[in-house]
C-alpha cells in the first residue's frame, strides 16, 4: 500500500511550474474589470 505521508515528504514542485507562477505574478495584466473601469471613466487605451 502507498504511504501518502512518505510520498508527500519527497514531493518537489517542477521548476517549470515555479517559473510559470513567478511570470504570471510579475505580469501586469489588464482584465475585464480594468477595461470596464477605464471605459466608464473615458480613459480608453488603444
C-alpha atoms as a PDB file:
ATOM      1  CA  UNK A   1       0.000   0.000   0.000  1.00  0.00           C
ATOM      2  CA  UNK A   2       1.163   3.568  -0.718  1.00  0.00           C
ATOM      3  CA  UNK A   3       2.253   5.639   2.278  1.00  0.00           C
ATOM      4  CA  UNK A   4       0.949   9.077   1.280  1.00  0.00           C
ATOM      5  CA  UNK A   5       2.702  10.859   4.146  1.00  0.00           C
ATOM      6  CA  UNK A   6       6.046   9.475   2.991  1.00  0.00           C
ATOM      7  CA  UNK A   7       5.352  10.385  -0.626  1.00  0.00           C
ATOM      8  CA  UNK A   8       4.442  13.954   0.351  1.00  0.00           C
ATOM      9  CA  UNK A   9       7.796  14.323   2.119  1.00  0.00           C
ATOM     10  CA  UNK A  10       9.534  13.516  -1.198  1.00  0.00           C
ATOM     11  CA  UNK A  11       7.432  15.974  -3.218  1.00  0.00           C
ATOM     12  CA  UNK A  12       9.240  18.794  -5.030  1.00  0.00           C
ATOM     13  CA  UNK A  13       7.382  21.074  -7.460  1.00  0.00           C
ATOM     14  CA  UNK A  14       8.587  21.129 -11.032  1.00  0.00           C
ATOM     15  CA  UNK A  15      10.881  24.028 -11.903  1.00  0.00           C
ATOM     16  CA  UNK A  16       8.649  24.962 -14.847  1.00  0.00           C
ATOM     17  CA  UNK A  17       5.649  25.378 -12.538  1.00  0.00           C
ATOM     18  CA  UNK A  18       7.557  27.664 -10.171  1.00  0.00           C
ATOM     19  CA  UNK A  19       8.812  29.755 -13.100  1.00  0.00           C
ATOM     20  CA  UNK A  20       5.333  29.990 -14.604  1.00  0.00           C
ATOM     21  CA  UNK A  21       3.903  31.131 -11.253  1.00  0.00           C
ATOM     22  CA  UNK A  22       6.572  33.826 -10.944  1.00  0.00           C
ATOM     23  CA  UNK A  23       5.973  35.030 -14.515  1.00  0.00           C
ATOM     24  CA  UNK A  24       2.214  35.200 -14.026  1.00  0.00           C
ATOM     25  CA  UNK A  25       2.519  37.116 -10.755  1.00  0.00           C
ATOM     26  CA  UNK A  26       5.063  39.557 -12.242  1.00  0.00           C
ATOM     27  CA  UNK A  27       2.977  40.344 -15.321  1.00  0.00           C
ATOM     28  CA  UNK A  28       0.667  43.347 -15.205  1.00  0.00           C
ATOM     29  CA  UNK A  29      -2.404  42.022 -16.967  1.00  0.00           C
ATOM     30  CA  UNK A  30      -5.449  44.088 -17.830  1.00  0.00           C
ATOM     31  CA  UNK A  31      -8.607  42.183 -17.068  1.00  0.00           C
ATOM     32  CA  UNK A  32     -12.232  42.853 -17.951  1.00  0.00           C
ATOM     33  CA  UNK A  33     -12.775  44.848 -14.767  1.00  0.00           C
ATOM     34  CA  UNK A  34      -9.896  47.194 -15.660  1.00  0.00           C
ATOM     35  CA  UNK A  35     -11.241  47.628 -19.190  1.00  0.00           C
ATOM     36  CA  UNK A  36     -14.751  48.455 -17.980  1.00  0.00           C
ATOM     37  CA  UNK A  37     -13.410  50.866 -15.370  1.00  0.00           C
ATOM     38  CA  UNK A  38     -11.318  52.685 -17.992  1.00  0.00           C
ATOM     39  CA  UNK A  39     -14.230  52.829 -20.429  1.00  0.00           C
ATOM     40  CA  UNK A  40     -16.599  54.335 -17.866  1.00  0.00           C
ATOM     41  CA  UNK A  41     -14.019  56.968 -16.941  1.00  0.00           C
ATOM     42  CA  UNK A  42     -13.245  57.854 -20.573  1.00  0.00           C
ATOM     43  CA  UNK A  43      -9.695  56.503 -20.346  1.00  0.00           C
ATOM     44  CA  UNK A  44      -9.839  54.054 -23.229  1.00  0.00           C
ATOM     45  CA  UNK A  45      -6.379  52.922 -24.305  1.00  0.00           C
ATOM     46  CA  UNK A  46      -5.665  51.901 -27.884  1.00  0.00           C
END
